[in-house]
Amino acid sequence: MDCLFCKIAMGDIPAKIVYQDDQLVAFEDINPQAPHHKIIIPRRHIATLNEISNKEDSHLAGNMIHVAVKLAKQFNLDQDGYRLVWNCNSNGGQTVFHIHAHLLGGRQMIWPPG
C-alpha cells in the first residue's frame, strides 16, 4: 500500500503520536493551521467518507469523534472551543485519500472556513 497515513499507522513513517489504540492513531499535523492541530485516522484504510457504508465503519467514525473530544480535553481546548474538520475528495479539500479528522484549536476560528 502506498498510503501515507497507512504507513504512519503501521509505524513505517515517524510521526508525533498523541493517541493510539487498536483501531485509531492520532498525531501532530506536520503543517499545523492552529496552535493545536492533530490528525485522527483509522488504522484500516478507508479512502473517503463516501466509502463509509456499514455499521462497522459508522462505529469507527464515531470512535474518531470520541477520540477528538478526548484529545480536546487533554490539550485544554474543550472550554474555549475547537474545530473538527473532515474533508472529502478534492473539491472538499482532501489531499490524503485515507479518511481523517483534523482537530484544530488554540486560536479563534473564523467562518466561513474557506
PDB file of N, CA and C in Angstrom:
ATOM      1  N   MET A   1       0.857  -1.184   0.000  1.00  0.00           N
ATOM      2  CA  MET A   1       0.000   0.000   0.000  1.00  0.00           C
ATOM      3  C   MET A   1       0.893   1.234   0.000  1.00  0.00           C
ATOM      4  N   ASP A   2       0.538   2.211  -0.801  1.00  0.00           N
ATOM      5  CA  ASP A   2       1.333   3.422  -0.929  1.00  0.00           C
ATOM      6  C   ASP A   2       0.631   4.614  -0.269  1.00  0.00           C
ATOM      7  N   CYS A   3      -0.080   4.365   0.827  1.00  0.00           N
ATOM      8  CA  CYS A   3      -0.831   5.412   1.509  1.00  0.00           C
ATOM      9  C   CYS A   3      -0.003   5.971   2.673  1.00  0.00           C
ATOM     10  N   LEU A   4       0.204   7.284   2.660  1.00  0.00           N
ATOM     11  CA  LEU A   4       0.977   7.957   3.698  1.00  0.00           C
ATOM     12  C   LEU A   4       0.431   7.651   5.091  1.00  0.00           C
ATOM     13  N   PHE A   5      -0.888   7.760   5.274  1.00  0.00           N
ATOM     14  CA  PHE A   5      -1.450   7.556   6.608  1.00  0.00           C
ATOM     15  C   PHE A   5      -1.411   6.092   7.031  1.00  0.00           C
ATOM     16  N   CYS A   6      -1.530   5.163   6.094  1.00  0.00           N
ATOM     17  CA  CYS A   6      -1.360   3.745   6.439  1.00  0.00           C
ATOM     18  C   CYS A   6       0.061   3.503   6.948  1.00  0.00           C
ATOM     19  N   LYS A   7       1.036   4.131   6.304  1.00  0.00           N
ATOM     20  CA  LYS A   7       2.430   3.962   6.717  1.00  0.00           C
ATOM     21  C   LYS A   7       2.667   4.564   8.101  1.00  0.00           C
ATOM     22  N   ILE A   8       2.024   5.688   8.402  1.00  0.00           N
ATOM     23  CA  ILE A   8       2.132   6.266   9.747  1.00  0.00           C
ATOM     24  C   ILE A   8       1.483   5.326  10.753  1.00  0.00           C
ATOM     25  N   ALA A   9       0.299   4.807  10.443  1.00  0.00           N
ATOM     26  CA  ALA A   9      -0.408   3.902  11.347  1.00  0.00           C
ATOM     27  C   ALA A   9       0.402   2.635  11.624  1.00  0.00           C
ATOM     28  N   MET A  10       1.140   2.161  10.623  1.00  0.00           N
ATOM     29  CA  MET A  10       1.958   0.956  10.793  1.00  0.00           C
ATOM     30  C   MET A  10       3.303   1.248  11.457  1.00  0.00           C
ATOM     31  N   GLY A  11       3.654   2.524  11.592  1.00  0.00           N
ATOM     32  CA  GLY A  11       4.930   2.884  12.190  1.00  0.00           C
ATOM     33  C   GLY A  11       6.073   2.941  11.202  1.00  0.00           C
ATOM     34  N   ASP A  12       5.767   2.828   9.918  1.00  0.00           N
ATOM     35  CA  ASP A  12       6.810   2.873   8.891  1.00  0.00           C
ATOM     36  C   ASP A  12       7.312   4.290   8.634  1.00  0.00           C
ATOM     37  N   ILE A  13       6.459   5.275   8.891  1.00  0.00           N
ATOM     38  CA  ILE A  13       6.838   6.683   8.782  1.00  0.00           C
ATOM     39  C   ILE A  13       6.667   7.297  10.159  1.00  0.00           C
ATOM     40  N   PRO A  14       7.697   7.967  10.671  1.00  0.00           N
ATOM     41  CA  PRO A  14       7.584   8.540  12.020  1.00  0.00           C
ATOM     42  C   PRO A  14       6.591   9.708  12.069  1.00  0.00           C
ATOM     43  N   ALA A  15       5.947   9.822  13.201  1.00  0.00           N
ATOM     44  CA  ALA A  15       5.025  10.927  13.466  1.00  0.00           C
ATOM     45  C   ALA A  15       5.003  11.146  14.973  1.00  0.00           C
ATOM     46  N   LYS A  16       4.638  12.349  15.384  1.00  0.00           N
ATOM     47  CA  LYS A  16       4.498  12.632  16.810  1.00  0.00           C
ATOM     48  C   LYS A  16       3.100  12.161  17.235  1.00  0.00           C
ATOM     49  N   ILE A  17       3.042  10.930  17.731  1.00  0.00           N
ATOM     50  CA  ILE A  17       1.786  10.286  18.100  1.00  0.00           C
ATOM     51  C   ILE A  17       1.287  10.876  19.420  1.00  0.00           C
ATOM     52  N   VAL A  18       0.006  11.268  19.440  1.00  0.00           N
ATOM     53  CA  VAL A  18      -0.601  11.793  20.666  1.00  0.00           C
ATOM     54  C   VAL A  18      -1.656  10.843  21.222  1.00  0.00           C
ATOM     55  N   TYR A  19      -2.054   9.847  20.417  1.00  0.00           N
ATOM     56  CA  TYR A  19      -3.036   8.853  20.859  1.00  0.00           C
ATOM     57  C   TYR A  19      -2.958   7.666  19.925  1.00  0.00           C
ATOM     58  N   GLN A  20      -3.141   6.455  20.494  1.00  0.00           N
ATOM     59  CA  GLN A  20      -3.295   5.281  19.649  1.00  0.00           C
ATOM     60  C   GLN A  20      -3.984   4.175  20.432  1.00  0.00           C
ATOM     61  N   ASP A  21      -4.769   3.407  19.716  1.00  0.00           N
ATOM     62  CA  ASP A  21      -5.370   2.201  20.261  1.00  0.00           C
ATOM     63  C   ASP A  21      -5.409   1.176  19.131  1.00  0.00           C
ATOM     64  N   ASP A  22      -6.176   0.111  19.291  1.00  0.00           N
ATOM     65  CA  ASP A  22      -6.172  -0.935  18.268  1.00  0.00           C
ATOM     66  C   ASP A  22      -6.842  -0.510  16.964  1.00  0.00           C
ATOM     67  N   GLN A  23      -7.683   0.556  16.992  1.00  0.00           N
ATOM     68  CA  GLN A  23      -8.391   0.998  15.792  1.00  0.00           C
ATOM     69  C   GLN A  23      -7.907   2.326  15.225  1.00  0.00           C
ATOM     70  N   LEU A  24      -7.403   3.213  16.093  1.00  0.00           N
ATOM     71  CA  LEU A  24      -7.132   4.595  15.690  1.00  0.00           C
ATOM     72  C   LEU A  24      -5.739   5.054  16.074  1.00  0.00           C
ATOM     73  N   VAL A  25      -5.254   6.056  15.351  1.00  0.00           N
ATOM     74  CA  VAL A  25      -3.994   6.731  15.656  1.00  0.00           C
ATOM     75  C   VAL A  25      -4.241   8.226  15.492  1.00  0.00           C
ATOM     76  N   ALA A  26      -3.693   9.016  16.409  1.00  0.00           N
ATOM     77  CA  ALA A  26      -3.761  10.475  16.276  1.00  0.00           C
ATOM     78  C   ALA A  26      -2.347  11.020  16.413  1.00  0.00           C
ATOM     79  N   PHE A  27      -2.046  12.023  15.599  1.00  0.00           N
ATOM     80  CA  PHE A  27      -0.697  12.576  15.588  1.00  0.00           C
ATOM     81  C   PHE A  27      -0.740  14.055  15.252  1.00  0.00           C
ATOM     82  N   GLU A  28       0.367  14.725  15.518  1.00  0.00           N
ATOM     83  CA  GLU A  28       0.502  16.151  15.219  1.00  0.00           C
ATOM     84  C   GLU A  28       0.612  16.342  13.707  1.00  0.00           C
ATOM     85  N   ASP A  29      -0.115  17.328  13.183  1.00  0.00           N
ATOM     86  CA  ASP A  29      -0.019  17.664  11.766  1.00  0.00           C
ATOM     87  C   ASP A  29       1.350  18.283  11.495  1.00  0.00           C
ATOM     88  N   ILE A  30       1.975  17.926  10.379  1.00  0.00           N
ATOM     89  CA  ILE A  30       3.304  18.475  10.075  1.00  0.00           C
ATOM     90  C   ILE A  30       3.234  19.896   9.516  1.00  0.00           C
ATOM     91  N   ASN A  31       2.024  20.340   9.154  1.00  0.00           N
ATOM     92  CA  ASN A  31       1.819  21.700   8.655  1.00  0.00           C
ATOM     93  C   ASN A  31       0.642  22.315   9.424  1.00  0.00           C
ATOM     94  N   PRO A  32       0.845  22.589  10.716  1.00  0.00           N
ATOM     95  CA  PRO A  32      -0.289  22.995  11.561  1.00  0.00           C
ATOM     96  C   PRO A  32      -0.921  24.317  11.134  1.00  0.00           C
ATOM     97  N   GLN A  33      -2.256  24.330  11.185  1.00  0.00           N
ATOM     98  CA  GLN A  33      -3.032  25.511  10.838  1.00  0.00           C
ATOM     99  C   GLN A  33      -3.585  26.207  12.083  1.00  0.00           C
ATOM    100  N   ALA A  34      -3.190  25.734  13.245  1.00  0.00           N
ATOM    101  CA  ALA A  34      -3.590  26.305  14.531  1.00  0.00           C
ATOM    102  C   ALA A  34      -2.543  25.862  15.556  1.00  0.00           C
ATOM    103  N   PRO A  35      -2.499  26.507  16.722  1.00  0.00           N
ATOM    104  CA  PRO A  35      -1.535  26.085  17.741  1.00  0.00           C
ATOM    105  C   PRO A  35      -1.643  24.593  18.093  1.00  0.00           C
ATOM    106  N   HIS A  36      -2.851  24.067  18.064  1.00  0.00           N
ATOM    107  CA  HIS A  36      -3.071  22.622  18.221  1.00  0.00           C
ATOM    108  C   HIS A  36      -3.719  22.128  16.942  1.00  0.00           C
ATOM    109  N   HIS A  37      -3.056  21.201  16.261  1.00  0.00           N
ATOM    110  CA  HIS A  37      -3.588  20.619  15.028  1.00  0.00           C
ATOM    111  C   HIS A  37      -3.215  19.146  15.020  1.00  0.00           C
ATOM    112  N   LYS A  38      -4.194  18.324  15.367  1.00  0.00           N
ATOM    113  CA  LYS A  38      -3.999  16.873  15.418  1.00  0.00           C
ATOM    114  C   LYS A  38      -4.765  16.239  14.262  1.00  0.00           C
ATOM    115  N   ILE A  39      -4.245  15.129  13.762  1.00  0.00           N
ATOM    116  CA  ILE A  39      -4.893  14.329  12.734  1.00  0.00           C
ATOM    117  C   ILE A  39      -5.295  13.000  13.368  1.00  0.00           C
ATOM    118  N   ILE A  40      -6.546  12.623  13.187  1.00  0.00           N
ATOM    119  CA  ILE A  40      -7.058  11.368  13.746  1.00  0.00           C
ATOM    120  C   ILE A  40      -7.422  10.465  12.574  1.00  0.00           C
ATOM    121  N   ILE A  41      -6.834   9.265  12.560  1.00  0.00           N
ATOM    122  CA  ILE A  41      -7.040   8.335  11.442  1.00  0.00           C
ATOM    123  C   ILE A  41      -7.408   6.948  11.965  1.00  0.00           C
ATOM    124  N   PRO A  42      -8.147   6.191  11.157  1.00  0.00           N
ATOM    125  CA  PRO A  42      -8.306   4.768  11.474  1.00  0.00           C
ATOM    126  C   PRO A  42      -7.072   4.010  10.993  1.00  0.00           C
ATOM    127  N   ARG A  43      -6.755   2.935  11.662  1.00  0.00           N
ATOM    128  CA  ARG A  43      -5.649   2.087  11.199  1.00  0.00           C
ATOM    129  C   ARG A  43      -6.015   1.416   9.870  1.00  0.00           C
ATOM    130  N   ARG A  44      -7.283   1.081   9.710  1.00  0.00           N
ATOM    131  CA  ARG A  44      -7.766   0.431   8.493  1.00  0.00           C
ATOM    132  C   ARG A  44      -7.959   1.478   7.398  1.00  0.00           C
ATOM    133  N   HIS A  45      -7.519   1.167   6.213  1.00  0.00           N
ATOM    134  CA  HIS A  45      -7.618   2.106   5.100  1.00  0.00           C
ATOM    135  C   HIS A  45      -9.059   2.225   4.604  1.00  0.00           C
ATOM    136  N   ILE A  46      -9.566   3.434   4.639  1.00  0.00           N
ATOM    137  CA  ILE A  46     -10.832   3.812   4.002  1.00  0.00           C
ATOM    138  C   ILE A  46     -10.493   5.104   3.269  1.00  0.00           C
ATOM    139  N   ALA A  47     -10.632   5.136   1.963  1.00  0.00           N
ATOM    140  CA  ALA A  47     -10.130   6.265   1.167  1.00  0.00           C
ATOM    141  C   ALA A  47     -10.888   7.559   1.419  1.00  0.00           C
ATOM    142  N   THR A  48     -12.212   7.535   1.390  1.00  0.00           N
ATOM    143  CA  THR A  48     -13.004   8.759   1.560  1.00  0.00           C
ATOM    144  C   THR A  48     -14.211   8.478   2.450  1.00  0.00           C
ATOM    145  N   LEU A  49     -14.826   9.543   2.912  1.00  0.00           N
ATOM    146  CA  LEU A  49     -16.047   9.404   3.706  1.00  0.00           C
ATOM    147  C   LEU A  49     -17.150   8.710   2.915  1.00  0.00           C
ATOM    148  N   ASN A  50     -17.111   8.834   1.599  1.00  0.00           N
ATOM    149  CA  ASN A  50     -18.116   8.186   0.756  1.00  0.00           C
ATOM    150  C   ASN A  50     -18.078   6.667   0.861  1.00  0.00           C
ATOM    151  N   GLU A  51     -16.970   6.123   1.362  1.00  0.00           N
ATOM    152  CA  GLU A  51     -16.837   4.672   1.480  1.00  0.00           C
ATOM    153  C   GLU A  51     -17.327   4.140   2.825  1.00  0.00           C
ATOM    154  N   ILE A  52     -17.793   5.013   3.696  1.00  0.00           N
ATOM    155  CA  ILE A  52     -18.384   4.548   4.956  1.00  0.00           C
ATOM    156  C   ILE A  52     -19.781   4.045   4.622  1.00  0.00           C
ATOM    157  N   SER A  53     -19.921   2.712   4.616  1.00  0.00           N
ATOM    158  CA  SER A  53     -21.148   2.148   4.068  1.00  0.00           C
ATOM    159  C   SER A  53     -21.813   1.104   4.960  1.00  0.00           C
ATOM    160  N   ASN A  54     -21.278   0.885   6.155  1.00  0.00           N
ATOM    161  CA  ASN A  54     -21.886  -0.120   7.023  1.00  0.00           C
ATOM    162  C   ASN A  54     -21.765   0.325   8.485  1.00  0.00           C
ATOM    163  N   LYS A  55     -22.403  -0.436   9.370  1.00  0.00           N
ATOM    164  CA  LYS A  55     -22.415  -0.074  10.789  1.00  0.00           C
ATOM    165  C   LYS A  55     -21.012  -0.085  11.398  1.00  0.00           C
ATOM    166  N   GLU A  56     -20.170  -1.009  10.964  1.00  0.00           N
ATOM    167  CA  GLU A  56     -18.800  -1.082  11.485  1.00  0.00           C
ATOM    168  C   GLU A  56     -18.032   0.194  11.152  1.00  0.00           C
ATOM    169  N   ASP A  57     -18.136   0.659   9.921  1.00  0.00           N
ATOM    170  CA  ASP A  57     -17.460   1.891   9.515  1.00  0.00           C
ATOM    171  C   ASP A  57     -18.051   3.102  10.237  1.00  0.00           C
ATOM    172  N   SER A  58     -19.373   3.116  10.396  1.00  0.00           N
ATOM    173  CA  SER A  58     -20.018   4.220  11.110  1.00  0.00           C
ATOM    174  C   SER A  58     -19.564   4.253  12.568  1.00  0.00           C
ATOM    175  N   HIS A  59     -19.432   3.083  13.161  1.00  0.00           N
ATOM    176  CA  HIS A  59     -18.943   2.996  14.539  1.00  0.00           C
ATOM    177  C   HIS A  59     -17.500   3.507  14.619  1.00  0.00           C
ATOM    178  N   LEU A  60     -16.693   3.165  13.648  1.00  0.00           N
ATOM    179  CA  LEU A  60     -15.308   3.633  13.596  1.00  0.00           C
ATOM    180  C   LEU A  60     -15.254   5.157  13.500  1.00  0.00           C
ATOM    181  N   ALA A  61     -16.091   5.748  12.646  1.00  0.00           N
ATOM    182  CA  ALA A  61     -16.144   7.209  12.517  1.00  0.00           C
ATOM    183  C   ALA A  61     -16.587   7.839  13.838  1.00  0.00           C
ATOM    184  N   GLY A  62     -17.534   7.220  14.517  1.00  0.00           N
ATOM    185  CA  GLY A  62     -17.959   7.705  15.828  1.00  0.00           C
ATOM    186  C   GLY A  62     -16.835   7.647  16.841  1.00  0.00           C
ATOM    187  N   ASN A  63     -16.034   6.588  16.782  1.00  0.00           N
ATOM    188  CA  ASN A  63     -14.870   6.489  17.679  1.00  0.00           C
ATOM    189  C   ASN A  63     -13.861   7.590  17.399  1.00  0.00           C
ATOM    190  N   MET A  64     -13.743   7.980  16.130  1.00  0.00           N
ATOM    191  CA  MET A  64     -12.838   9.080  15.786  1.00  0.00           C
ATOM    192  C   MET A  64     -13.301  10.373  16.454  1.00  0.00           C
ATOM    193  N   ILE A  65     -14.604  10.608  16.471  1.00  0.00           N
ATOM    194  CA  ILE A  65     -15.139  11.794  17.146  1.00  0.00           C
ATOM    195  C   ILE A  65     -14.891  11.700  18.642  1.00  0.00           C
ATOM    196  N   HIS A  66     -15.117  10.529  19.214  1.00  0.00           N
ATOM    197  CA  HIS A  66     -14.868  10.321  20.642  1.00  0.00           C
ATOM    198  C   HIS A  66     -13.410  10.636  20.998  1.00  0.00           C
ATOM    199  N   VAL A  67     -12.470  10.185  20.190  1.00  0.00           N
ATOM    200  CA  VAL A  67     -11.050  10.454  20.427  1.00  0.00           C
ATOM    201  C   VAL A  67     -10.762  11.945  20.271  1.00  0.00           C
ATOM    202  N   ALA A  68     -11.400  12.596  19.313  1.00  0.00           N
ATOM    203  CA  ALA A  68     -11.207  14.044  19.145  1.00  0.00           C
ATOM    204  C   ALA A  68     -11.624  14.788  20.409  1.00  0.00           C
ATOM    205  N   VAL A  69     -12.753  14.420  20.976  1.00  0.00           N
ATOM    206  CA  VAL A  69     -13.221  15.060  22.212  1.00  0.00           C
ATOM    207  C   VAL A  69     -12.243  14.784  23.354  1.00  0.00           C
ATOM    208  N   LYS A  70     -11.769  13.560  23.440  1.00  0.00           N
ATOM    209  CA  LYS A  70     -10.791  13.190  24.470  1.00  0.00           C
ATOM    210  C   LYS A  70      -9.515  14.029  24.328  1.00  0.00           C
ATOM    211  N   LEU A  71      -9.038  14.194  23.101  1.00  0.00           N
ATOM    212  CA  LEU A  71      -7.836  14.995  22.867  1.00  0.00           C
ATOM    213  C   LEU A  71      -8.095  16.472  23.151  1.00  0.00           C
ATOM    214  N   ALA A  72      -9.280  16.965  22.795  1.00  0.00           N
ATOM    215  CA  ALA A  72      -9.620  18.359  23.090  1.00  0.00           C
ATOM    216  C   ALA A  72      -9.542  18.615  24.593  1.00  0.00           C
ATOM    217  N   LYS A  73     -10.025  17.677  25.372  1.00  0.00           N
ATOM    218  CA  LYS A  73      -9.936  17.809  26.833  1.00  0.00           C
ATOM    219  C   LYS A  73      -8.487  17.702  27.302  1.00  0.00           C
ATOM    220  N   GLN A  74      -7.748  16.750  26.746  1.00  0.00           N
ATOM    221  CA  GLN A  74      -6.350  16.547  27.137  1.00  0.00           C
ATOM    222  C   GLN A  74      -5.497  17.790  26.886  1.00  0.00           C
ATOM    223  N   PHE A  75      -5.774  18.489  25.800  1.00  0.00           N
ATOM    224  CA  PHE A  75      -4.992  19.672  25.438  1.00  0.00           C
ATOM    225  C   PHE A  75      -5.688  20.982  25.824  1.00  0.00           C
ATOM    226  N   ASN A  76      -6.685  20.871  26.720  1.00  0.00           N
ATOM    227  CA  ASN A  76      -7.386  22.038  27.278  1.00  0.00           C
ATOM    228  C   ASN A  76      -8.034  22.914  26.212  1.00  0.00           C
ATOM    229  N   LEU A  77      -8.606  22.283  25.198  1.00  0.00           N
ATOM    230  CA  LEU A  77      -9.298  23.005  24.141  1.00  0.00           C
ATOM    231  C   LEU A  77     -10.812  22.992  24.335  1.00  0.00           C
ATOM    232  N   ASP A  78     -11.292  22.140  25.207  1.00  0.00           N
ATOM    233  CA  ASP A  78     -12.728  21.900  25.314  1.00  0.00           C
ATOM    234  C   ASP A  78     -13.506  23.103  25.829  1.00  0.00           C
ATOM    235  N   GLN A  79     -12.934  23.907  26.694  1.00  0.00           N
ATOM    236  CA  GLN A  79     -13.673  25.033  27.255  1.00  0.00           C
ATOM    237  C   GLN A  79     -13.723  26.225  26.303  1.00  0.00           C
ATOM    238  N   ASP A  80     -12.601  26.580  25.700  1.00  0.00           N
ATOM    239  CA  ASP A  80     -12.574  27.719  24.771  1.00  0.00           C
ATOM    240  C   ASP A  80     -13.164  27.363  23.416  1.00  0.00           C
ATOM    241  N   GLY A  81     -13.014  26.118  23.014  1.00  0.00           N
ATOM    242  CA  GLY A  81     -13.568  25.656  21.749  1.00  0.00           C
ATOM    243  C   GLY A  81     -12.505  25.156  20.791  1.00  0.00           C
ATOM    244  N   TYR A  82     -12.969  24.386  19.848  1.00  0.00           N
ATOM    245  CA  TYR A  82     -12.093  23.780  18.842  1.00  0.00           C
ATOM    246  C   TYR A  82     -12.925  23.485  17.614  1.00  0.00           C
ATOM    247  N   ARG A  83     -12.255  23.103  16.563  1.00  0.00           N
ATOM    248  CA  ARG A  83     -12.933  22.735  15.316  1.00  0.00           C
ATOM    249  C   ARG A  83     -12.507  21.320  14.946  1.00  0.00           C
ATOM    250  N   LEU A  84     -13.484  20.541  14.490  1.00  0.00           N
ATOM    251  CA  LEU A  84     -13.223  19.206  13.973  1.00  0.00           C
ATOM    252  C   LEU A  84     -13.621  19.213  12.506  1.00  0.00           C
ATOM    253  N   VAL A  85     -12.665  18.923  11.611  1.00  0.00           N
ATOM    254  CA  VAL A  85     -12.880  19.040  10.170  1.00  0.00           C
ATOM    255  C   VAL A  85     -12.648  17.693   9.499  1.00  0.00           C
ATOM    256  N   TRP A  86     -13.594  17.334   8.620  1.00  0.00           N
ATOM    257  CA  TRP A  86     -13.470  16.160   7.759  1.00  0.00           C
ATOM    258  C   TRP A  86     -13.579  16.656   6.325  1.00  0.00           C
ATOM    259  N   ASN A  87     -12.609  16.355   5.496  1.00  0.00           N
ATOM    260  CA  ASN A  87     -12.642  16.734   4.091  1.00  0.00           C
ATOM    261  C   ASN A  87     -12.929  15.487   3.254  1.00  0.00           C
ATOM    262  N   CYS A  88     -13.675  15.664   2.159  1.00  0.00           N
ATOM    263  CA  CYS A  88     -13.993  14.531   1.298  1.00  0.00           C
ATOM    264  C   CYS A  88     -13.752  14.905  -0.164  1.00  0.00           C
ATOM    265  N   ASN A  89     -12.833  14.208  -0.781  1.00  0.00           N
ATOM    266  CA  ASN A  89     -12.455  14.364  -2.189  1.00  0.00           C
ATOM    267  C   ASN A  89     -11.814  15.731  -2.450  1.00  0.00           C
ATOM    268  N   SER A  90     -11.336  15.907  -3.653  1.00  0.00           N
ATOM    269  CA  SER A  90     -10.504  17.064  -3.995  1.00  0.00           C
ATOM    270  C   SER A  90     -11.186  18.404  -3.758  1.00  0.00           C
ATOM    271  N   ASN A  91     -12.413  18.576  -4.225  1.00  0.00           N
ATOM    272  CA  ASN A  91     -13.087  19.855  -4.033  1.00  0.00           C
ATOM    273  C   ASN A  91     -13.428  20.118  -2.572  1.00  0.00           C
ATOM    274  N   GLY A  92     -13.471  19.083  -1.767  1.00  0.00           N
ATOM    275  CA  GLY A  92     -13.694  19.234  -0.335  1.00  0.00           C
ATOM    276  C   GLY A  92     -12.416  19.505   0.430  1.00  0.00           C
ATOM    277  N   GLY A  93     -11.283  19.495  -0.256  1.00  0.00           N
ATOM    278  CA  GLY A  93     -10.001  19.787   0.372  1.00  0.00           C
ATOM    279  C   GLY A  93      -9.210  18.572   0.816  1.00  0.00           C
ATOM    280  N   GLN A  94      -9.655  17.371   0.466  1.00  0.00           N
ATOM    281  CA  GLN A  94      -8.927  16.167   0.862  1.00  0.00           C
ATOM    282  C   GLN A  94      -7.688  16.003  -0.005  1.00  0.00           C
ATOM    283  N   THR A  95      -6.521  15.888   0.633  1.00  0.00           N
ATOM    284  CA  THR A  95      -5.273  15.703  -0.107  1.00  0.00           C
ATOM    285  C   THR A  95      -4.641  14.336   0.147  1.00  0.00           C
ATOM    286  N   VAL A  96      -4.962  13.721   1.286  1.00  0.00           N
ATOM    287  CA  VAL A  96      -4.522  12.352   1.566  1.00  0.00           C
ATOM    288  C   VAL A  96      -5.779  11.497   1.553  1.00  0.00           C
ATOM    289  N   PHE A  97      -5.820  10.514   0.670  1.00  0.00           N
ATOM    290  CA  PHE A  97      -7.029   9.720   0.491  1.00  0.00           C
ATOM    291  C   PHE A  97      -7.038   8.508   1.416  1.00  0.00           C
ATOM    292  N   HIS A  98      -7.192   8.846   2.687  1.00  0.00           N
ATOM    293  CA  HIS A  98      -7.364   7.930   3.812  1.00  0.00           C
ATOM    294  C   HIS A  98      -8.158   8.780   4.795  1.00  0.00           C
ATOM    295  N   ILE A  99      -9.379   8.363   5.159  1.00  0.00           N
ATOM    296  CA  ILE A  99     -10.200   9.262   5.968  1.00  0.00           C
ATOM    297  C   ILE A  99      -9.446   9.728   7.205  1.00  0.00           C
ATOM    298  N   HIS A 100      -9.690  10.970   7.548  1.00  0.00           N
ATOM    299  CA  HIS A 100      -9.041  11.551   8.718  1.00  0.00           C
ATOM    300  C   HIS A 100      -9.823  12.770   9.167  1.00  0.00           C
ATOM    301  N   ALA A 101      -9.705  13.059  10.436  1.00  0.00           N
ATOM    302  CA  ALA A 101     -10.319  14.244  11.017  1.00  0.00           C
ATOM    303  C   ALA A 101      -9.211  15.155  11.506  1.00  0.00           C
ATOM    304  N   HIS A 102      -9.374  16.445  11.269  1.00  0.00           N
ATOM    305  CA  HIS A 102      -8.453  17.457  11.772  1.00  0.00           C
ATOM    306  C   HIS A 102      -9.057  18.041  13.043  1.00  0.00           C
ATOM    307  N   LEU A 103      -8.329  17.977  14.142  1.00  0.00           N
ATOM    308  CA  LEU A 103      -8.714  18.648  15.381  1.00  0.00           C
ATOM    309  C   LEU A 103      -7.868  19.907  15.474  1.00  0.00           C
ATOM    310  N   LEU A 104      -8.524  21.073  15.423  1.00  0.00           N
ATOM    311  CA  LEU A 104      -7.827  22.356  15.440  1.00  0.00           C
ATOM    312  C   LEU A 104      -8.299  23.173  16.636  1.00  0.00           C
ATOM    313  N   GLY A 105      -7.368  23.787  17.334  1.00  0.00           N
ATOM    314  CA  GLY A 105      -7.743  24.635  18.461  1.00  0.00           C
ATOM    315  C   GLY A 105      -6.577  25.486  18.920  1.00  0.00           C
ATOM    316  N   GLY A 106      -6.863  26.318  19.905  1.00  0.00           N
ATOM    317  CA  GLY A 106      -5.829  27.190  20.463  1.00  0.00           C
ATOM    318  C   GLY A 106      -5.833  28.584  19.875  1.00  0.00           C
ATOM    319  N   ARG A 107      -6.803  28.867  19.008  1.00  0.00           N
ATOM    320  CA  ARG A 107      -6.970  30.201  18.447  1.00  0.00           C
ATOM    321  C   ARG A 107      -8.433  30.367  18.028  1.00  0.00           C
ATOM    322  N   GLN A 108      -8.832  31.606  17.779  1.00  0.00           N
ATOM    323  CA  GLN A 108     -10.192  31.875  17.303  1.00  0.00           C
ATOM    324  C   GLN A 108     -10.336  31.382  15.873  1.00  0.00           C
ATOM    325  N   MET A 109     -11.344  30.568  15.629  1.00  0.00           N
ATOM    326  CA  MET A 109     -11.638  30.077  14.283  1.00  0.00           C
ATOM    327  C   MET A 109     -12.585  31.085  13.611  1.00  0.00           C
ATOM    328  N   ILE A 110     -12.480  31.173  12.297  1.00  0.00           N
ATOM    329  CA  ILE A 110     -13.347  32.087  11.559  1.00  0.00           C
ATOM    330  C   ILE A 110     -14.349  31.288  10.735  1.00  0.00           C
ATOM    331  N   TRP A 111     -15.427  31.952  10.315  1.00  0.00           N
ATOM    332  CA  TRP A 111     -16.444  31.318   9.479  1.00  0.00           C
ATOM    333  C   TRP A 111     -16.828  32.277   8.370  1.00  0.00           C
ATOM    334  N   PRO A 112     -16.979  31.875   7.154  1.00  0.00           N
ATOM    335  CA  PRO A 112     -16.805  30.503   6.693  1.00  0.00           C
ATOM    336  C   PRO A 112     -15.325  30.124   6.654  1.00  0.00           C
ATOM    337  N   PRO A 113     -15.056  28.813   6.734  1.00  0.00           N
ATOM    338  CA  PRO A 113     -13.664  28.376   6.846  1.00  0.00           C
ATOM    339  C   PRO A 113     -12.859  28.511   5.568  1.00  0.00           C
ATOM    340  N   GLY A 114     -13.438  28.598   4.416  1.00  0.00           N
ATOM    341  CA  GLY A 114     -12.640  28.713   3.206  1.00  0.00           C
ATOM    342  C   GLY A 114     -13.418  28.243   2.069  1.00  0.00           C
TER     343      GLY A 114
END
